[in-house]
Protein backbone atom coordinates (compact mmCIF):
# COMPACT_ATOMS: atom_id res chain seq x y z
CA MET A 1 -5.48 -11.17 2.24
CA ARG A 2 -4.27 -14.44 0.40
CA GLY A 3 -7.16 -13.98 -2.07
CA PHE A 4 -5.73 -10.37 -2.63
CA GLN A 5 -2.37 -11.13 -2.94
CA LYS A 6 -3.63 -14.00 -5.65
CA GLU A 7 -5.47 -11.54 -7.64
CA VAL A 8 -2.72 -9.08 -8.00
CA HIS A 9 -0.57 -12.20 -9.16
CA GLN A 10 -3.21 -13.00 -11.82
CA PHE A 11 -3.32 -9.18 -12.95
CA ILE A 12 0.31 -8.73 -13.01
CA THR A 13 1.03 -11.99 -14.87
CA GLU A 14 -1.66 -10.93 -17.41
CA THR A 15 0.16 -7.62 -18.31
CA GLU A 16 2.87 -7.69 -21.05
CA GLU A 17 5.69 -6.35 -18.67
CA GLY A 18 4.93 -8.76 -15.42
CA TYR A 19 6.39 -7.89 -12.18
CA TRP A 20 8.76 -5.21 -12.25
CA LYS A 21 12.37 -5.43 -11.14
CA PRO A 22 12.51 -5.31 -7.39
CA LEU A 23 13.72 -1.68 -7.31
CA ALA A 24 11.64 -0.44 -9.23
CA MET A 25 8.59 -1.93 -7.44
CA PHE A 26 10.33 -0.40 -4.17
CA ALA A 27 10.62 3.08 -5.83
CA ALA A 28 6.85 2.45 -6.35
CA LEU A 29 5.91 1.87 -3.14
CA VAL A 30 7.81 4.56 -1.57
CA GLU A 31 6.29 7.21 -4.36
CA GLU A 32 2.44 5.58 -3.17
CA VAL A 33 3.54 6.08 0.37
CA GLY A 34 4.78 9.51 -0.51
CA GLU A 35 0.88 10.49 -2.20
CA LEU A 36 -0.45 8.62 0.60
CA GLY A 37 1.13 11.16 3.10
CA ARG A 38 0.28 14.21 1.17
CA CYS A 39 -3.27 13.27 1.14
CA ILE A 40 -3.28 12.75 5.08
CA ASN A 41 -1.75 16.35 5.48
CA ALA A 42 -4.60 17.55 3.09
CA ALA A 43 -7.16 15.51 5.30
CA GLU A 44 -5.56 17.25 8.39
CA GLY A 45 -5.34 20.66 7.08
CA VAL A 46 -1.69 20.79 6.89
CA LYS A 47 0.66 22.39 4.22
CA GLY A 48 -1.70 24.57 2.83
CA LEU A 49 -3.89 21.84 1.39
CA LYS A 50 -6.91 22.42 3.78
CA GLU A 51 -8.97 24.31 0.83
CA ARG A 52 -9.36 20.83 -0.19
CA LYS A 53 -13.13 19.41 0.19
CA GLU A 54 -13.37 16.69 2.86
CA LYS A 55 -15.07 14.30 0.58
CA ASP A 56 -12.35 14.88 -2.17
CA THR A 57 -9.66 14.01 0.38
CA ARG A 58 -11.53 10.68 1.87
CA GLU A 59 -12.12 9.25 -1.49
CA GLU A 60 -7.96 10.30 -2.51
CA LEU A 61 -7.10 8.53 1.30
CA LYS A 62 -8.98 5.63 0.36
CA GLU A 63 -7.38 5.33 -3.33
CA GLU A 64 -3.77 5.64 -1.88
CA LEU A 65 -4.23 3.20 0.59
CA GLY A 66 -5.45 0.76 -2.18
CA ASP A 67 -2.19 1.79 -4.24
CA VAL A 68 -0.14 1.26 -1.43
CA LEU A 69 -1.56 -2.27 -0.67
CA PHE A 70 -1.29 -3.08 -4.46
CA ALA A 71 2.43 -2.23 -4.46
CA LEU A 72 3.15 -3.92 -1.39
CA ALA A 73 1.36 -7.15 -2.49
CA CYS A 74 3.46 -7.18 -5.93
CA ILE A 75 6.65 -7.06 -3.92
CA ALA A 76 5.43 -9.82 -1.24
CA ASN A 77 4.51 -11.95 -4.36
CA TYR A 78 7.82 -11.53 -6.02
CA TYR A 79 9.46 -12.50 -3.10
CA GLY A 80 7.04 -15.33 -2.19
CA VAL A 81 6.28 -13.62 0.87
CA ASP A 82 2.69 -14.43 2.29
CA LEU A 83 1.18 -11.27 3.66
CA GLU A 84 -1.47 -12.66 5.82
CA ARG A 85 0.70 -14.97 7.71
CA GLU A 86 3.43 -11.88 8.26
CA VAL A 87 0.81 -9.46 9.42
CA LEU A 88 -0.56 -11.91 11.99
CA ARG A 89 2.96 -12.63 12.94
CA SER A 90 3.49 -8.62 13.45
CA ILE A 91 0.16 -8.39 15.59
CA ASP A 92 1.33 -11.43 17.72
CA LYS A 93 4.50 -9.25 18.25
CA TYR A 94 2.94 -6.45 18.96
CA ARG A 95 0.61 -7.84 21.16
CA GLY A 96 3.77 -8.91 23.46
CA ARG A 97 4.84 -5.53 23.60
CA THR A 98 4.25 -3.47 26.80
CA PHE A 99 3.12 0.24 26.04
């Protein structure tokens, strides 16, 4: 995960605009999550999107997951958050819960 964040940072710093303002990055994340939701609806045959080919839907699902992670990494980098450490903390937190 750290390598991923470094790669995202390198890419962003090579662009002319650099990191967007935090609210713009958050809006981009929300947009990508919405696109992921639409894709999952299509994969599950919800909301009239069933006519799409399963292979196309699967490829789109992978692309949207990547877009969500990229947008999330941008926000984490902007705020100096180590995503790997925080995900491991979340796993520990969920391990402690009883379901």
